[in-house]
Amino acid sequence: MKKPEPFLFHIVQPYADGERRLEHATVVSSHRTAADAFAELARIGAVLEHYRHPAETLELIVVTNDRQPVPPPDGSRHDPPA
């Protein structure tokens, strides 16, 4: 019997547009909690800013195992419409 997949939160980078873009996005990293995923997203943003690249130039989105977007803890929208 196959073991169930652990529930994780993934940071993904979409490479296409359309309704199913999160299903086909590249997984950048995986985390046990949404808070850990958003902390990593903040760290990546800080590194980009340090090297004078606006964090907005890289589209990264936190999703669940079934590729549903997770809203950021501050309530802002991080998944622009396709």
Protein backbone atom coordinates (compact mmCIF):
# COMPACT_ATOMS: atom_id res chain seq x y z
CA MET A 1 0.00 0.00 0.00
CA LYS A 2 1.34 3.42 -0.97
CA LYS A 3 2.11 5.82 1.88
CA PRO A 4 0.10 9.04 1.73
CA GLU A 5 2.01 12.05 0.51
CA PRO A 6 2.87 14.41 3.38
CA PHE A 7 1.01 17.70 3.32
CA LEU A 8 3.49 20.37 2.29
CA PHE A 9 3.47 23.95 1.14
CA HIS A 10 5.47 24.65 -1.99
CA ILE A 11 6.99 27.80 -3.42
CA VAL A 12 6.45 27.60 -7.17
CA GLN A 13 7.47 29.68 -10.17
CA PRO A 14 4.90 29.70 -12.97
CA TYR A 15 6.32 29.66 -16.48
CA ALA A 16 3.07 29.98 -18.43
CA ASP A 17 -0.21 31.85 -18.38
CA GLY A 18 -3.72 30.47 -18.17
CA GLU A 19 -6.04 28.77 -15.73
CA ARG A 20 -3.78 25.78 -15.05
CA ARG A 21 -0.52 27.69 -14.72
CA LEU A 22 0.02 26.71 -11.07
CA GLU A 23 -0.42 23.01 -11.89
CA HIS A 24 2.54 23.16 -14.27
CA ALA A 25 4.72 25.59 -12.29
CA THR A 26 8.25 24.66 -11.26
CA VAL A 27 8.65 23.81 -7.56
CA VAL A 28 11.39 25.98 -6.05
CA SER A 29 11.17 24.62 -2.49
CA SER A 30 8.85 22.70 -0.15
CA HIS A 31 8.03 23.41 3.50
CA ARG A 32 6.05 21.77 6.32
CA THR A 33 4.14 24.93 7.21
CA ALA A 34 2.82 27.94 5.33
CA ALA A 35 4.72 30.18 7.75
CA ASP A 36 7.99 28.46 6.78
CA ALA A 37 7.19 28.87 3.09
CA PHE A 38 6.44 32.58 3.49
CA ALA A 39 9.61 33.04 5.58
CA GLU A 40 11.62 31.51 2.73
CA LEU A 41 9.82 33.76 0.25
CA ALA A 42 10.81 36.77 2.37
CA ARG A 43 14.41 35.53 2.49
CA ILE A 44 14.54 35.18 -1.30
CA GLY A 45 13.08 38.67 -1.63
CA ALA A 46 15.75 40.08 0.71
CA VAL A 47 18.52 38.43 -1.32
CA LEU A 48 17.11 39.88 -4.54
CA GLU A 49 16.86 43.35 -2.96
CA HIS A 50 20.44 43.03 -1.66
CA TYR A 51 21.63 42.52 -5.23
CA ARG A 52 19.42 45.42 -6.39
CA HIS A 53 16.87 43.28 -8.20
CA PRO A 54 13.27 44.16 -7.30
CA ALA A 55 11.62 41.13 -5.71
CA GLU A 56 8.63 41.68 -8.02
CA THR A 57 10.75 40.66 -11.04
CA LEU A 58 10.54 37.04 -9.93
CA GLU A 59 7.03 35.59 -9.64
CA LEU A 60 6.98 33.12 -6.77
CA ILE A 61 3.75 31.79 -5.27
CA VAL A 62 3.07 29.62 -2.21
CA VAL A 63 0.71 26.72 -2.99
CA THR A 64 -0.60 23.58 -1.28
CA ASN A 65 0.02 20.02 -2.48
CA ASP A 66 -2.98 20.30 -4.81
CA ARG A 67 -1.56 23.56 -6.25
CA GLN A 68 -4.07 25.91 -4.64
CA PRO A 69 -2.58 29.34 -3.86
CA VAL A 70 -2.15 30.20 -0.19
CA PRO A 71 -2.92 33.82 0.76
CA PRO A 72 -0.03 35.63 2.44
CA PRO A 73 -0.33 36.16 6.20
CA ASP A 74 -0.64 39.94 5.71
CA GLY A 75 -3.70 39.48 3.49
CA SER A 76 -2.08 40.91 0.36
CA ARG A 77 -2.57 39.21 -2.97
CA HIS A 78 0.57 37.57 -4.35
CA ASP A 79 -0.96 35.68 -7.26
CA PRO A 80 -1.69 38.19 -10.03
CA PRO A 81 -4.53 37.21 -12.36
CA ALA A 82 -3.47 35.17 -15.38
